[in-house]
Amino acid sequence: MKTLPGSFVGAFVLALMTGCASGPEAVDNEPLEGTHWSLTQLGTQPATETNPEKAPYLEFLAAEKRVVGSGGCNRLGGSYTLDGDKITFGQMMGTMMACPHGMQQEQALHAAFKKVTNWRIEGDTLQFLDASGQQIAAFKAKK
């Protein structure tokens, strides 16, 4: 039996490990559908949470092609259509309770749905983009 020099074996093992390693570029993206997405940013402003029980969030229901969630005060819902990285929201509806805080943010979120044309996920962050590629809103996956 022929033995290989130690430096060759070490280089071979290192090559195998490097090929299998998951570096910073290897990121597992959360799926759009079936994930609880908590609002983190709306436009250029960080999202505010005035009541943890009513924190703004979205969930995309794949079977029904419906989105449900909360604007921070009221429940919201509507339809959506996906085509690759394009997304279109149908008429969004919501309950109509008045809350002492967070109504401006909730109204801005409803207005944002009309401007969204694209979406992308990087790791556990979902971004809604307008036609020019500007971020309209950002969400973080809740685990």
Protein backbone atom coordinates (compact mmCIF):
# COMPACT_ATOMS: atom_id res chain seq x y z
CA MET A 1 0.00 0.00 0.00
CA LYS A 2 1.30 3.39 -0.95
CA THR A 3 1.07 6.22 1.62
CA LEU A 4 0.52 9.81 0.69
CA PRO A 5 2.69 12.61 2.08
CA GLY A 6 1.11 14.36 5.09
CA SER A 7 1.00 17.73 3.36
CA PHE A 8 -1.05 16.25 0.50
CA VAL A 9 -3.54 14.63 2.87
CA GLY A 10 -3.83 17.89 4.86
CA ALA A 11 -4.43 19.89 1.69
CA PHE A 12 -7.03 17.36 0.53
CA VAL A 13 -8.92 17.49 3.85
CA LEU A 14 -8.77 21.31 3.85
CA ALA A 15 -10.15 21.39 0.29
CA LEU A 16 -13.02 19.11 1.28
CA MET A 17 -13.85 21.21 4.33
CA THR A 18 -13.68 24.47 2.40
CA GLY A 19 -15.96 23.12 -0.30
CA CYS A 20 -18.55 22.09 2.28
CA ALA A 21 -18.27 25.11 4.55
CA SER A 22 -21.01 27.64 4.57
CA GLY A 23 -19.39 31.05 4.58
CA PRO A 24 -21.05 34.42 4.99
CA GLU A 25 -22.37 34.24 1.43
CA ALA A 26 -24.39 31.12 2.22
CA VAL A 27 -27.60 32.48 3.73
CA ASP A 28 -30.82 30.55 4.15
CA ASN A 29 -33.69 32.84 3.24
CA GLU A 30 -36.96 32.56 5.09
CA PRO A 31 -39.92 31.75 2.82
CA LEU A 32 -42.31 34.60 2.05
CA GLU A 33 -45.36 32.42 2.56
CA GLY A 34 -45.98 30.81 5.92
CA THR A 35 -43.64 33.12 7.86
CA HIS A 36 -44.69 35.65 10.51
CA TRP A 37 -43.17 38.96 9.32
CA SER A 38 -42.86 41.71 11.98
CA LEU A 39 -42.70 45.27 10.65
CA THR A 40 -39.31 46.86 11.40
CA GLN A 41 -39.24 49.86 9.08
CA LEU A 42 -41.76 51.90 7.14
CA GLY A 43 -40.25 54.20 4.56
CA THR A 44 -37.13 55.62 6.18
CA GLN A 45 -38.52 55.44 9.72
CA PRO A 46 -38.13 52.56 12.17
CA ALA A 47 -41.45 50.94 13.01
CA THR A 48 -42.87 51.62 16.44
CA GLU A 49 -44.69 49.13 18.59
CA THR A 50 -47.15 50.75 20.98
CA ASN A 51 -48.79 47.53 22.15
CA PRO A 52 -46.92 44.18 21.99
CA GLU A 53 -50.24 42.34 21.65
CA LYS A 54 -51.00 44.30 18.49
CA ALA A 55 -47.50 44.63 16.98
CA PRO A 56 -47.60 45.29 13.20
CA TYR A 57 -47.03 42.10 11.21
CA LEU A 58 -47.96 40.21 8.04
CA GLU A 59 -48.45 36.55 7.18
CA PHE A 60 -48.83 35.32 3.62
CA LEU A 61 -51.21 32.35 3.25
CA ALA A 62 -50.10 30.43 0.17
CA ALA A 63 -53.20 28.26 -0.37
CA GLU A 64 -55.60 31.21 -0.34
CA LYS A 65 -53.16 33.80 -1.79
CA ARG A 66 -54.22 36.06 1.06
CA VAL A 67 -52.20 38.24 3.38
CA VAL A 68 -53.34 38.78 6.97
CA GLY A 69 -51.87 40.71 9.85
CA SER A 70 -52.05 43.79 11.98
CA GLY A 71 -51.24 47.42 11.33
CA GLY A 72 -50.48 47.92 15.01
CA CYS A 73 -54.05 48.64 16.04
CA ASN A 74 -56.40 47.00 13.55
CA ARG A 75 -56.39 43.61 11.88
CA LEU A 76 -55.80 43.77 8.14
CA GLY A 77 -56.10 41.46 5.20
CA GLY A 78 -56.34 41.23 1.45
CA SER A 79 -55.22 39.29 -1.58
CA TYR A 80 -51.84 39.19 -3.26
CA THR A 81 -50.37 37.93 -6.52
CA LEU A 82 -46.78 36.82 -7.00
CA ASP A 83 -44.82 36.70 -10.25
CA GLY A 84 -41.18 36.04 -9.45
CA ASP A 85 -39.95 39.05 -7.50
CA LYS A 86 -43.06 41.05 -8.41
CA ILE A 87 -45.94 41.35 -5.97
CA THR A 88 -49.33 42.99 -6.32
CA PHE A 89 -51.72 43.54 -3.45
CA GLY A 90 -55.46 43.56 -4.02
CA GLN A 91 -57.83 45.76 -2.06
CA MET A 92 -56.61 45.69 1.54
CA MET A 93 -59.22 45.78 4.28
CA GLY A 94 -59.03 46.29 8.01
CA THR A 95 -61.06 46.59 11.14
CA MET A 96 -61.86 50.15 12.16
CA MET A 97 -60.98 50.53 15.83
CA ALA A 98 -59.53 53.81 17.02
CA CYS A 99 -56.32 53.48 19.01
CA PRO A 100 -54.65 56.22 21.05
CA HIS A 101 -51.24 55.48 19.46
CA GLY A 102 -49.94 54.13 16.17
CA MET A 103 -52.73 55.20 13.82
CA GLN A 104 -50.35 57.26 11.62
CA GLN A 105 -48.06 54.28 11.13
CA GLU A 106 -51.01 52.02 10.39
CA GLN A 107 -52.35 54.42 7.76
CA ALA A 108 -48.88 54.69 6.22
CA LEU A 109 -48.66 50.89 6.04
CA HIS A 110 -52.00 50.73 4.21
CA ALA A 111 -50.78 53.42 1.78
CA ALA A 112 -47.54 51.48 1.23
CA PHE A 113 -49.40 48.44 -0.12
CA LYS A 114 -50.49 50.53 -3.12
CA LYS A 115 -46.86 51.47 -3.95
CA VAL A 116 -45.23 48.05 -3.62
CA THR A 117 -44.18 46.43 -6.91
CA ASN A 118 -41.36 44.10 -5.85
CA TRP A 119 -40.18 42.10 -2.88
CA ARG A 120 -36.97 40.43 -1.80
CA ILE A 121 -35.79 38.38 1.14
CA GLU A 122 -32.26 38.40 2.46
CA GLY A 123 -31.88 35.95 5.33
CA ASP A 124 -34.67 36.81 7.77
CA THR A 125 -35.46 40.25 6.32
CA LEU A 126 -38.30 40.90 3.87
CA GLN A 127 -38.24 44.14 1.90
CA PHE A 128 -41.03 45.71 -0.11
CA LEU A 129 -39.76 47.88 -2.95
CA ASP A 130 -41.38 50.43 -5.26
CA ALA A 131 -40.96 50.56 -9.05
CA SER A 132 -37.67 52.49 -8.72
CA GLY A 133 -36.22 49.90 -6.31
CA GLN A 134 -36.56 52.07 -3.21
CA GLN A 135 -37.47 50.31 0.02
CA ILE A 136 -41.00 51.05 1.15
CA ALA A 137 -41.12 48.72 4.15
CA ALA A 138 -38.99 46.08 5.87
CA PHE A 139 -40.01 43.14 8.03
CA LYS A 140 -38.12 40.60 10.14
CA ALA A 141 -39.08 36.94 10.39
CA LYS A 142 -40.31 36.02 13.85
CA LYS A 143 -39.02 32.64 14.92
